[in-house]
Amino acid sequence: MSPDLLRQEFLSAVRIALAEDLGSGDATTLATVPAHLRARAELATRENCVVAGLAAAEFAFRELDPSCRFDILHPDGSFCSAGDVVAVIEGDARALLSAERVALNFVQRLSGIATLTARFVEQTDGSRCRILDTRKTTPGLRALEKYAVTCGGGDNHRMGLYDRVMIKDNHRELASLAGPGGIARSVRAARDAYPQLQVEVEADTLEDVREAVEARADFILLDNMSNDEMAEAVRLVGQRALLEASGNMKLERIASVAALGIDFISVGALTHSARAIDLGLDIRPS
């Protein structure tokens, strides 16, 4: 995704979140905080993490105070220790208070994804294997969450159903109704219909792997295979296709799978199970 499109995704998500939170107005802040009061806020980590999503925080504050200053001290992708000040914001006190929760929600969520991704990536050291995300993302926040994966050192799988052909078990099951050779037939049909797209085939067995490589799939996904089965798949395929391991890819298993010669490991947990990082915003009059 281009930087301009990513920026629009951030801005759109922030505007929706602000509308959800503010409604007709921040009653507490409007009632208790004087108008035109200026304030300074520090966005700080409360635990070790890889930070991500600062653009969302900046947009949140600038939507309510376009003239505010937002100074980043640790950019996205940086490792931060507990207590590090990530960004300093100066502006209208009411705006800082009203945007606080939206800003924190985005940075906490996206930093959690980046931090978990970095832990998985660390397990691939010494191999050529790359960690991939999946489409198991929060509806409406896919671009932001996949961006956070890259902040943690991971790579993006397909963004959606439109940018790669991926022939999974249910597709194969339906294709088999026309008789044997469903994988080869599906790959040919995909190439005819979408010649500009790469084609991936999900393989549940080593026989599926043989059929996929003979059909000249670009990628073969090894689904829920044992390490011994994946080692045999590496031998069968050679350099004729790229191999992706998926299914039950827990952190403690990553190093052993990467060592098999697998090209990619996809991990749904990066986005569907990442824990939000604890961050805080301390505000005081400036």
Protein backbone atom coordinates (compact mmCIF):
# COMPACT_ATOMS: atom_id res chain seq x y z
CA MET A 1 0.00 0.00 0.00
CA SER A 2 1.33 3.44 -0.94
CA PRO A 3 2.10 5.99 1.81
CA ASP A 4 -0.73 8.22 0.59
CA LEU A 5 -3.29 5.40 0.74
CA LEU A 6 -2.03 4.34 4.16
CA ARG A 7 -2.35 7.91 5.38
CA GLN A 8 -5.96 7.99 4.19
CA GLU A 9 -6.67 4.70 5.97
CA PHE A 10 -5.29 6.13 9.22
CA LEU A 11 -7.22 9.37 8.88
CA SER A 12 -10.50 7.64 8.04
CA ALA A 13 -10.18 5.24 10.98
CA VAL A 14 -9.36 8.06 13.38
CA ARG A 15 -12.34 10.13 12.27
CA ILE A 16 -14.70 7.20 12.78
CA ALA A 17 -13.23 6.55 16.24
CA LEU A 18 -13.48 10.20 17.27
CA ALA A 19 -17.11 10.39 16.14
CA GLU A 20 -17.88 7.25 18.12
CA ASP A 21 -16.23 8.57 21.28
CA LEU A 22 -17.21 12.25 21.19
CA GLY A 23 -20.80 12.02 20.06
CA SER A 24 -22.38 15.39 20.87
CA GLY A 25 -19.33 16.49 22.87
CA ASP A 26 -16.93 15.60 25.68
CA ALA A 27 -19.22 16.56 28.55
CA THR A 28 -16.64 16.21 31.33
CA THR A 29 -13.95 18.22 29.61
CA LEU A 30 -16.30 20.95 28.41
CA ALA A 31 -17.71 21.32 31.92
CA THR A 32 -14.44 21.35 33.86
CA VAL A 33 -11.60 22.60 31.67
CA PRO A 34 -11.38 26.30 30.79
CA ALA A 35 -11.54 27.23 27.13
CA HIS A 36 -8.27 28.33 25.50
CA LEU A 37 -6.12 26.63 28.18
CA ARG A 38 -2.89 25.28 26.68
CA ALA A 39 -1.37 21.98 27.81
CA ARG A 40 1.56 19.66 27.22
CA ALA A 41 1.23 15.88 27.06
CA GLU A 42 3.77 13.07 27.02
CA LEU A 43 2.89 9.74 25.41
CA ALA A 44 4.97 7.17 27.28
CA THR A 45 5.39 3.40 27.35
CA ARG A 46 4.77 1.46 30.53
CA GLU A 47 6.38 -1.73 29.28
CA ASN A 48 8.99 -2.77 26.73
CA CYS A 49 7.57 -2.74 23.21
CA VAL A 50 7.96 -1.98 19.53
CA VAL A 51 5.98 1.17 18.89
CA ALA A 52 3.55 1.52 15.98
CA GLY A 53 0.62 3.71 15.00
CA LEU A 54 1.85 7.15 15.97
CA ALA A 55 0.23 8.60 12.85
CA ALA A 56 -3.15 7.70 14.33
CA ALA A 57 -2.36 9.55 17.53
CA GLU A 58 -1.17 12.60 15.62
CA PHE A 59 -4.30 12.65 13.45
CA ALA A 60 -6.51 12.32 16.52
CA PHE A 61 -5.01 15.35 18.22
CA ARG A 62 -4.83 17.42 15.02
CA GLU A 63 -8.47 16.70 14.16
CA LEU A 64 -9.45 18.52 17.37
CA ASP A 65 -6.61 21.07 17.35
CA PRO A 66 -5.06 21.53 13.88
CA SER A 67 -2.40 23.85 15.31
CA CYS A 68 -1.09 21.44 17.96
CA ARG A 69 2.54 20.32 17.95
CA PHE A 70 3.21 16.59 17.76
CA ASP A 71 6.90 15.75 18.20
CA ILE A 72 7.89 12.12 17.75
CA LEU A 73 10.86 10.99 19.83
CA HIS A 74 10.73 7.28 18.93
CA PRO A 75 9.29 6.60 15.45
CA ASP A 76 7.23 3.58 14.46
CA GLY A 77 9.32 0.42 14.43
CA SER A 78 11.52 1.57 17.32
CA PHE A 79 12.11 -0.64 20.33
CA CYS A 80 11.16 1.26 23.48
CA SER A 81 11.84 0.42 27.10
CA ALA A 82 9.27 0.92 29.84
CA GLY A 83 9.11 4.59 30.73
CA ASP A 84 10.32 5.94 27.39
CA VAL A 85 8.53 9.05 26.16
CA VAL A 86 7.49 8.24 22.59
CA ALA A 87 5.95 11.59 21.62
CA VAL A 88 5.31 15.03 23.08
CA ILE A 89 2.16 16.97 22.21
CA GLU A 90 1.42 20.63 22.91
CA GLY A 91 -1.90 22.28 22.17
CA ASP A 92 -5.40 23.10 23.35
CA ALA A 93 -6.02 21.33 26.65
CA ARG A 94 -9.59 20.39 25.79
CA ALA A 95 -8.45 18.84 22.51
CA LEU A 96 -5.72 16.81 24.21
CA LEU A 97 -8.14 15.41 26.77
CA SER A 98 -10.88 14.64 24.25
CA ALA A 99 -8.54 12.87 21.81
CA GLU A 100 -6.58 11.00 24.48
CA ARG A 101 -8.47 7.70 24.47
CA VAL A 102 -8.72 7.41 20.70
CA ALA A 103 -5.00 8.16 20.33
CA LEU A 104 -4.06 5.62 22.99
CA ASN A 105 -6.39 2.92 21.66
CA PHE A 106 -4.73 2.98 18.26
CA VAL A 107 -1.14 3.14 19.49
CA GLN A 108 -1.70 0.46 22.14
CA ARG A 109 -3.32 -1.91 19.66
CA LEU A 110 -0.86 -1.41 16.83
CA SER A 111 2.17 -1.48 19.14
CA GLY A 112 0.90 -4.79 20.48
CA ILE A 113 0.87 -6.23 16.97
CA ALA A 114 4.33 -4.85 16.19
CA THR A 115 5.74 -6.19 19.46
CA LEU A 116 4.32 -9.69 18.98
CA THR A 117 5.52 -9.74 15.38
CA ALA A 118 9.04 -8.83 16.48
CA ARG A 119 9.06 -11.81 18.85
CA PHE A 120 8.16 -14.16 15.98
CA VAL A 121 10.67 -12.57 13.62
CA GLU A 122 13.42 -13.01 16.21
CA GLN A 123 12.86 -16.78 16.07
CA THR A 124 13.77 -16.84 12.36
CA ASP A 125 17.28 -15.43 12.86
CA GLY A 126 19.85 -17.31 10.81
CA SER A 127 17.33 -18.49 8.21
CA ARG A 128 15.86 -17.04 5.03
CA CYS A 129 12.33 -17.55 6.36
CA ARG A 130 10.01 -14.54 6.62
CA ILE A 131 7.05 -14.08 8.97
CA LEU A 132 3.74 -13.25 7.26
CA ASP A 133 0.44 -11.95 8.57
CA THR A 134 -2.99 -13.20 7.40
CA ARG A 135 -6.46 -11.78 6.70
CA LYS A 136 -7.48 -12.47 10.33
CA THR A 137 -7.66 -8.77 11.09
CA THR A 138 -10.10 -6.44 12.84
CA PRO A 139 -12.80 -5.48 10.30
CA GLY A 140 -12.11 -2.02 8.94
CA LEU A 141 -8.57 -1.87 10.36
CA ARG A 142 -6.75 -4.30 8.08
CA ALA A 143 -4.40 -1.77 6.48
CA LEU A 144 -3.40 -0.35 9.86
CA GLU A 145 -2.84 -3.75 11.44
CA LYS A 146 -0.84 -5.03 8.48
CA TYR A 147 1.23 -1.85 8.66
CA ALA A 148 1.93 -2.65 12.32
CA VAL A 149 3.20 -6.09 11.29
CA THR A 150 5.79 -4.43 9.06
CA CYS A 151 6.82 -2.19 11.98
CA GLY A 152 7.66 -5.39 13.85
CA GLY A 153 9.77 -6.73 10.99
CA GLY A 154 7.16 -9.00 9.42
CA ASP A 155 5.86 -9.08 5.86
CA ASN A 156 2.34 -8.76 4.51
CA HIS A 157 0.51 -11.63 2.87
CA ARG A 158 -2.25 -10.66 0.44
CA MET A 159 -4.27 -7.63 1.47
CA GLY A 160 -7.56 -9.17 0.43
CA LEU A 161 -9.25 -11.53 -1.98
CA TYR A 162 -8.25 -9.37 -4.95
CA ASP A 163 -4.44 -9.32 -5.01
CA ARG A 164 -3.51 -13.03 -5.09
CA VAL A 165 -5.28 -16.22 -6.12
CA MET A 166 -5.27 -18.58 -3.15
CA ILE A 167 -6.80 -21.98 -3.82
CA LYS A 168 -7.75 -23.33 -0.40
CA ASP A 169 -9.29 -26.61 0.75
CA ASN A 170 -12.88 -25.51 0.12
CA HIS A 171 -12.00 -24.37 -3.39
CA ARG A 172 -10.32 -27.73 -4.05
CA GLU A 173 -13.28 -29.61 -2.66
CA LEU A 174 -15.67 -27.87 -5.04
CA ALA A 175 -13.27 -28.19 -7.97
CA SER A 176 -13.04 -31.95 -7.36
CA LEU A 177 -16.73 -32.30 -8.23
CA ALA A 178 -15.66 -32.07 -11.87
CA GLY A 179 -13.41 -35.10 -11.42
CA PRO A 180 -9.75 -35.85 -10.59
CA GLY A 181 -7.06 -33.22 -11.13
CA GLY A 182 -8.85 -30.43 -9.29
CA ILE A 183 -5.65 -28.63 -8.28
CA ALA A 184 -4.22 -28.53 -11.80
CA ARG A 185 -7.57 -27.50 -13.23
CA SER A 186 -7.94 -24.74 -10.64
CA VAL A 187 -4.45 -23.36 -11.28
CA ARG A 188 -5.05 -23.28 -15.04
CA ALA A 189 -8.39 -21.55 -14.58
CA ALA A 190 -6.83 -18.97 -12.26
CA ARG A 191 -4.04 -18.20 -14.71
CA ASP A 192 -6.55 -17.80 -17.54
CA ALA A 193 -8.84 -15.52 -15.52
CA TYR A 194 -6.17 -13.48 -13.69
CA PRO A 195 -2.85 -13.75 -15.54
CA GLN A 196 -1.46 -10.77 -13.60
CA LEU A 197 -1.84 -12.46 -10.20
CA GLN A 198 0.37 -14.99 -8.46
CA VAL A 199 -1.26 -18.29 -7.60
CA GLU A 200 -1.02 -20.09 -4.28
CA VAL A 201 -2.34 -23.56 -3.48
CA GLU A 202 -3.09 -24.80 0.02
CA ALA A 203 -1.82 -28.36 0.50
CA ASP A 204 -3.05 -30.65 3.26
CA THR A 205 -0.99 -33.67 2.17
CA LEU A 206 2.25 -34.40 0.37
CA GLU A 207 0.19 -35.61 -2.59
CA ASP A 208 -1.40 -32.14 -2.72
CA VAL A 209 2.13 -30.70 -2.75
CA ARG A 210 3.09 -32.89 -5.73
CA GLU A 211 -0.01 -31.85 -7.64
CA ALA A 212 0.53 -28.17 -6.86
CA VAL A 213 4.16 -28.10 -7.93
CA GLU A 214 3.35 -30.03 -11.12
CA ALA A 215 0.61 -27.47 -11.82
CA ARG A 216 3.31 -24.76 -11.46
CA ALA A 217 1.76 -22.89 -8.58
CA ASP A 218 3.86 -19.92 -7.47
CA PHE A 219 3.32 -20.62 -3.77
CA ILE A 220 2.33 -23.74 -1.87
CA LEU A 221 0.86 -23.39 1.61
CA LEU A 222 1.67 -26.36 3.85
CA ASP A 223 -1.36 -26.48 6.12
CA ASN A 224 -1.07 -28.06 9.58
CA MET A 225 1.77 -30.36 8.56
CA SER A 226 4.31 -31.89 10.91
CA ASN A 227 7.94 -30.81 10.67
CA ASP A 228 8.81 -34.16 9.04
CA GLU A 229 6.12 -33.66 6.41
CA MET A 230 7.31 -30.12 5.71
CA ALA A 231 10.92 -31.30 5.39
CA GLU A 232 9.75 -33.79 2.76
CA ALA A 233 7.79 -31.04 1.00
CA VAL A 234 10.97 -28.93 0.81
CA ARG A 235 12.73 -31.90 -0.80
CA LEU A 236 9.89 -32.54 -3.27
CA VAL A 237 9.53 -28.93 -4.38
CA GLY A 238 13.17 -27.91 -4.62
CA GLN A 239 13.22 -24.42 -6.09
CA ARG A 240 10.09 -24.84 -8.21
CA ALA A 241 7.75 -22.94 -5.86
CA LEU A 242 7.88 -20.91 -2.67
CA LEU A 243 6.71 -22.69 0.46
CA GLU A 244 4.59 -21.21 3.23
CA ALA A 245 3.95 -23.00 6.51
CA SER A 246 0.68 -22.30 8.28
CA GLY A 247 -1.47 -23.72 11.04
CA ASN A 248 -0.46 -24.19 14.68
CA MET A 249 2.54 -21.91 14.24
CA LYS A 250 3.14 -21.09 17.87
CA LEU A 251 6.12 -18.99 18.94
CA GLU A 252 8.05 -21.92 20.40
CA ARG A 253 7.82 -23.82 17.09
CA ILE A 254 8.98 -21.08 14.72
CA ALA A 255 12.74 -21.66 14.92
CA SER A 256 12.44 -25.37 14.09
CA VAL A 257 10.13 -24.70 11.12
CA ALA A 258 12.30 -21.90 9.75
CA ALA A 259 15.31 -24.22 9.87
CA LEU A 260 13.61 -26.65 7.45
CA GLY A 261 14.18 -24.32 4.49
CA ILE A 262 10.62 -22.95 4.44
CA ASP A 263 10.33 -19.55 2.74
CA PHE A 264 7.46 -18.11 4.78
CA ILE A 265 5.53 -18.81 7.98
CA SER A 266 2.09 -17.20 8.24
CA VAL A 267 0.76 -16.47 11.71
CA GLY A 268 -2.83 -15.39 12.26
CA ALA A 269 -2.11 -14.63 15.92
CA LEU A 270 -0.09 -11.56 14.96
CA THR A 271 -3.32 -9.67 14.39
CA HIS A 272 -6.10 -11.70 16.00
CA SER A 273 -4.42 -12.37 19.35
CA ALA A 274 -1.90 -9.59 19.99
CA ARG A 275 -2.22 -8.04 23.44
CA ALA A 276 -2.45 -4.25 23.58
CA ILE A 277 0.66 -2.56 24.97
CA ASP A 278 0.29 -0.47 28.12
CA LEU A 279 0.93 3.20 27.31
CA GLY A 280 -0.12 6.36 29.07
CA LEU A 281 -0.65 10.03 28.36
CA ASP A 282 0.35 12.48 31.08
CA ILE A 283 -1.13 15.96 30.57
CA ARG A 284 -0.29 19.15 32.43
CA PRO A 285 -0.73 22.87 31.77
CA SER A 286 1.99 24.34 29.58
